[in-house]
N, C-alpha and C. Protein backbone atom coordinates (compact mmCIF):
# COMPACT_ATOMS: atom_id res chain seq x y z
N MET A 1 91.74 106.05 70.25
CA MET A 1 92.91 105.50 70.91
C MET A 1 93.10 106.15 72.28
N ARG A 2 92.96 107.44 72.34
CA ARG A 2 93.16 108.15 73.60
C ARG A 2 92.13 107.70 74.64
N ALA A 3 90.89 107.53 74.24
CA ALA A 3 89.85 107.07 75.16
C ALA A 3 90.16 105.66 75.66
N ALA A 4 90.66 104.82 74.77
CA ALA A 4 91.00 103.45 75.16
C ALA A 4 92.14 103.45 76.17
N ALA A 5 93.13 104.32 75.95
CA ALA A 5 94.25 104.40 76.90
C ALA A 5 93.76 104.90 78.25
N TRP A 6 92.90 105.89 78.24
CA TRP A 6 92.35 106.43 79.49
C TRP A 6 91.57 105.35 80.23
N LEU A 7 90.76 104.60 79.50
CA LEU A 7 89.97 103.53 80.11
C LEU A 7 90.89 102.48 80.73
N LEU A 8 91.96 102.15 80.03
CA LEU A 8 92.92 101.17 80.56
C LEU A 8 93.54 101.67 81.85
N VAL A 9 93.93 102.93 81.88
CA VAL A 9 94.53 103.51 83.09
C VAL A 9 93.54 103.46 84.24
N VAL A 10 92.32 103.85 83.97
CA VAL A 10 91.29 103.84 85.02
C VAL A 10 91.08 102.43 85.55
N MET A 11 91.02 101.47 84.66
CA MET A 11 90.81 100.09 85.09
C MET A 11 91.99 99.59 85.91
N LEU A 12 93.21 99.93 85.48
CA LEU A 12 94.38 99.48 86.22
C LEU A 12 94.44 100.11 87.60
N VAL A 13 94.16 101.40 87.67
CA VAL A 13 94.19 102.08 88.95
C VAL A 13 93.09 101.55 89.86
N ALA A 14 91.92 101.28 89.29
CA ALA A 14 90.82 100.75 90.10
C ALA A 14 91.22 99.42 90.73
N ASP A 15 91.99 98.63 90.00
CA ASP A 15 92.46 97.36 90.55
C ASP A 15 93.37 97.56 91.75
N PHE A 16 94.04 98.71 91.80
CA PHE A 16 95.02 98.96 92.85
C PHE A 16 94.48 99.77 94.01
N VAL A 17 93.23 100.08 94.00
CA VAL A 17 92.67 100.89 95.08
C VAL A 17 92.52 100.01 96.32
N SER A 18 93.05 100.49 97.42
CA SER A 18 93.00 99.70 98.65
C SER A 18 91.64 99.85 99.32
N ALA A 19 91.44 99.11 100.37
CA ALA A 19 90.18 99.15 101.11
C ALA A 19 89.92 100.53 101.69
N ALA A 20 90.96 101.30 101.93
CA ALA A 20 90.80 102.65 102.47
C ALA A 20 90.33 103.62 101.40
N GLY A 21 90.26 103.18 100.16
CA GLY A 21 89.77 104.03 99.09
C GLY A 21 90.87 104.68 98.27
N ARG A 22 92.12 104.37 98.56
CA ARG A 22 93.21 104.92 97.77
C ARG A 22 94.39 103.98 97.79
N PHE A 23 95.19 104.09 96.77
CA PHE A 23 96.38 103.25 96.65
C PHE A 23 97.53 104.16 96.29
N GLU A 24 98.56 104.16 97.10
CA GLU A 24 99.72 105.00 96.86
C GLU A 24 100.95 104.11 96.75
N PRO A 25 101.27 103.70 95.52
CA PRO A 25 102.35 102.72 95.34
C PRO A 25 103.71 103.19 95.84
N TYR A 26 103.98 104.48 95.76
CA TYR A 26 105.27 104.97 96.26
C TYR A 26 105.36 104.80 97.78
N LYS A 27 104.27 105.08 98.46
CA LYS A 27 104.25 104.91 99.92
C LYS A 27 104.31 103.44 100.30
N VAL A 28 103.62 102.60 99.53
CA VAL A 28 103.62 101.16 99.82
C VAL A 28 105.05 100.63 99.81
N LEU A 29 105.83 101.05 98.81
CA LEU A 29 107.21 100.56 98.69
C LEU A 29 108.20 101.43 99.47
N GLY A 30 107.75 102.56 99.97
CA GLY A 30 108.63 103.42 100.75
C GLY A 30 109.69 104.11 99.92
N VAL A 31 109.34 104.46 98.68
CA VAL A 31 110.29 105.14 97.80
C VAL A 31 109.74 106.50 97.40
N HIS A 32 110.65 107.38 96.99
CA HIS A 32 110.27 108.70 96.53
C HIS A 32 109.73 108.61 95.11
N ARG A 33 108.93 109.57 94.74
CA ARG A 33 108.33 109.57 93.41
C ARG A 33 109.38 109.61 92.30
N ARG A 34 110.55 110.14 92.58
CA ARG A 34 111.62 110.21 91.58
C ARG A 34 112.58 109.01 91.68
N ALA A 35 112.17 107.97 92.38
CA ALA A 35 113.03 106.80 92.55
C ALA A 35 113.34 106.15 91.21
N THR A 36 114.55 105.64 91.11
CA THR A 36 114.95 104.94 89.88
C THR A 36 114.35 103.54 89.88
N ALA A 37 114.39 102.90 88.72
CA ALA A 37 113.89 101.53 88.60
C ALA A 37 114.67 100.60 89.54
N GLN A 38 115.94 100.85 89.68
CA GLN A 38 116.79 100.03 90.56
C GLN A 38 116.37 100.22 92.03
N GLU A 39 116.09 101.45 92.44
CA GLU A 39 115.65 101.71 93.82
C GLU A 39 114.29 101.07 94.09
N ILE A 40 113.41 101.12 93.11
CA ILE A 40 112.08 100.51 93.26
C ILE A 40 112.22 98.99 93.40
N ARG A 41 113.06 98.40 92.58
CA ARG A 41 113.26 96.95 92.63
C ARG A 41 113.87 96.52 93.97
N LYS A 42 114.84 97.29 94.44
CA LYS A 42 115.49 96.98 95.71
C LYS A 42 114.48 97.05 96.86
N ALA A 43 113.65 98.09 96.86
CA ALA A 43 112.64 98.25 97.91
C ALA A 43 111.63 97.09 97.84
N TYR A 44 111.22 96.74 96.62
CA TYR A 44 110.27 95.64 96.45
C TYR A 44 110.84 94.33 96.99
N LYS A 45 112.06 94.02 96.62
CA LYS A 45 112.65 92.75 97.06
C LYS A 45 112.75 92.68 98.58
N ALA A 46 113.15 93.77 99.20
CA ALA A 46 113.27 93.78 100.67
C ALA A 46 111.90 93.61 101.32
N MET A 47 110.90 94.32 100.83
CA MET A 47 109.56 94.22 101.43
C MET A 47 108.90 92.89 101.13
N ALA A 48 109.10 92.38 99.91
CA ALA A 48 108.52 91.08 99.56
C ALA A 48 109.11 89.98 100.43
N ARG A 49 110.39 90.07 100.68
CA ARG A 49 111.05 89.08 101.54
C ARG A 49 110.48 89.14 102.97
N GLU A 50 110.27 90.37 103.45
CA GLU A 50 109.76 90.55 104.80
C GLU A 50 108.29 90.12 104.94
N TRP A 51 107.47 90.40 103.94
CA TRP A 51 106.03 90.17 104.06
C TRP A 51 105.52 88.93 103.35
N HIS A 52 106.41 88.12 102.78
CA HIS A 52 105.94 86.91 102.09
C HIS A 52 105.19 86.03 103.10
N PRO A 53 103.99 85.57 102.72
CA PRO A 53 103.17 84.79 103.66
C PRO A 53 103.85 83.51 104.17
N ASP A 54 104.77 82.96 103.41
CA ASP A 54 105.48 81.76 103.86
C ASP A 54 106.54 82.09 104.92
N LYS A 55 106.93 83.37 105.00
CA LYS A 55 107.98 83.78 105.93
C LYS A 55 107.44 84.60 107.11
N ASN A 56 106.24 85.12 106.96
CA ASN A 56 105.67 86.02 107.98
C ASN A 56 104.35 85.43 108.47
N SER A 57 104.24 85.23 109.77
CA SER A 57 103.04 84.61 110.33
C SER A 57 101.95 85.62 110.68
N ASP A 58 102.19 86.89 110.44
CA ASP A 58 101.19 87.93 110.69
C ASP A 58 99.93 87.62 109.88
N PRO A 59 98.75 87.74 110.47
CA PRO A 59 97.51 87.44 109.74
C PRO A 59 97.31 88.31 108.50
N GLY A 60 97.86 89.51 108.48
CA GLY A 60 97.70 90.40 107.33
C GLY A 60 98.85 90.33 106.33
N ALA A 61 99.74 89.36 106.51
CA ALA A 61 100.92 89.27 105.65
C ALA A 61 100.56 89.04 104.19
N GLU A 62 99.60 88.16 103.94
CA GLU A 62 99.25 87.87 102.54
C GLU A 62 98.68 89.11 101.85
N GLU A 63 97.80 89.81 102.53
CA GLU A 63 97.20 91.02 101.95
C GLU A 63 98.28 92.08 101.71
N ARG A 64 99.18 92.24 102.66
CA ARG A 64 100.26 93.22 102.52
C ARG A 64 101.20 92.84 101.39
N PHE A 65 101.48 91.55 101.26
CA PHE A 65 102.35 91.06 100.19
C PHE A 65 101.72 91.35 98.83
N ILE A 66 100.43 91.14 98.72
CA ILE A 66 99.72 91.42 97.46
C ILE A 66 99.79 92.92 97.14
N GLU A 67 99.59 93.76 98.13
CA GLU A 67 99.67 95.21 97.93
C GLU A 67 101.07 95.62 97.47
N ILE A 68 102.10 95.05 98.08
CA ILE A 68 103.48 95.33 97.70
C ILE A 68 103.74 94.90 96.26
N THR A 69 103.25 93.73 95.90
CA THR A 69 103.44 93.21 94.55
C THR A 69 102.73 94.09 93.52
N LYS A 70 101.51 94.51 93.83
CA LYS A 70 100.78 95.38 92.90
C LYS A 70 101.48 96.73 92.74
N ALA A 71 102.01 97.27 93.81
CA ALA A 71 102.75 98.53 93.73
C ALA A 71 103.97 98.36 92.82
N TYR A 72 104.67 97.26 93.00
CA TYR A 72 105.85 97.01 92.16
C TYR A 72 105.46 96.82 90.70
N GLU A 73 104.39 96.08 90.45
CA GLU A 73 103.96 95.86 89.07
C GLU A 73 103.63 97.19 88.39
N LEU A 74 103.02 98.09 89.10
CA LEU A 74 102.67 99.40 88.55
C LEU A 74 103.93 100.24 88.30
N LEU A 75 104.79 100.33 89.30
CA LEU A 75 105.94 101.22 89.19
C LEU A 75 107.09 100.65 88.36
N SER A 76 107.13 99.36 88.16
CA SER A 76 108.23 98.77 87.38
C SER A 76 107.97 98.83 85.88
N ASP A 77 106.75 99.10 85.47
CA ASP A 77 106.42 99.24 84.06
C ASP A 77 106.46 100.73 83.71
N PRO A 78 107.44 101.16 82.91
CA PRO A 78 107.59 102.60 82.64
C PRO A 78 106.34 103.28 82.11
N GLU A 79 105.63 102.63 81.22
CA GLU A 79 104.42 103.25 80.65
C GLU A 79 103.31 103.37 81.69
N ARG A 80 103.08 102.32 82.44
CA ARG A 80 102.04 102.37 83.48
C ARG A 80 102.41 103.38 84.57
N ARG A 81 103.67 103.45 84.92
CA ARG A 81 104.13 104.42 85.93
C ARG A 81 103.91 105.85 85.42
N ARG A 82 104.27 106.10 84.17
CA ARG A 82 104.10 107.43 83.59
C ARG A 82 102.61 107.81 83.55
N ASN A 83 101.76 106.88 83.14
CA ASN A 83 100.32 107.14 83.12
C ASN A 83 99.79 107.44 84.52
N TYR A 84 100.21 106.67 85.49
CA TYR A 84 99.79 106.88 86.88
C TYR A 84 100.24 108.26 87.36
N ASP A 85 101.51 108.59 87.15
CA ASP A 85 102.04 109.88 87.58
C ASP A 85 101.31 111.04 86.92
N ASN A 86 101.02 110.89 85.63
CA ASN A 86 100.31 111.95 84.91
C ASN A 86 98.91 112.16 85.47
N LYS A 87 98.23 111.09 85.79
CA LYS A 87 96.86 111.22 86.32
C LYS A 87 96.88 111.83 87.71
N VAL A 88 97.88 111.55 88.52
CA VAL A 88 97.99 112.16 89.84
C VAL A 88 98.25 113.65 89.67
N GLU A 89 99.16 114.02 88.76
CA GLU A 89 99.49 115.42 88.52
C GLU A 89 98.27 116.19 88.01
N GLU A 90 97.48 115.56 87.16
CA GLU A 90 96.33 116.22 86.57
C GLU A 90 95.14 116.29 87.53
N GLY A 91 95.27 115.63 88.66
CA GLY A 91 94.22 115.69 89.66
C GLY A 91 93.13 114.65 89.49
N TYR A 92 93.31 113.70 88.60
CA TYR A 92 92.30 112.66 88.42
C TYR A 92 92.28 111.69 89.57
N LEU A 93 93.44 111.52 90.19
CA LEU A 93 93.54 110.64 91.35
C LEU A 93 93.77 111.53 92.56
N HIS A 94 92.87 111.51 93.48
CA HIS A 94 92.96 112.39 94.64
C HIS A 94 93.48 111.65 95.85
N PHE A 95 94.64 112.05 96.33
CA PHE A 95 95.23 111.41 97.50
C PHE A 95 95.43 112.40 98.59
């Protein structure tokens, strides 16, 4: 079970790795690591509204919107957020 959970975390994090080689969901949403679920949701809604491809004509808007959405999906799920935070603390994810 533990190996399966680890594999799931690795796969999820790999999905969120940006082209630069790292993905930092807290920085993407502009929230502190101790942010509440409400603060994360508020930041997501504001950024999603700003970067939605239908509202923003910037050529990178769609990519940025996807990154914002992935950050929110990770941080809004308590279990996935806890797993991510634990792996960062343990040094498995190097930022």
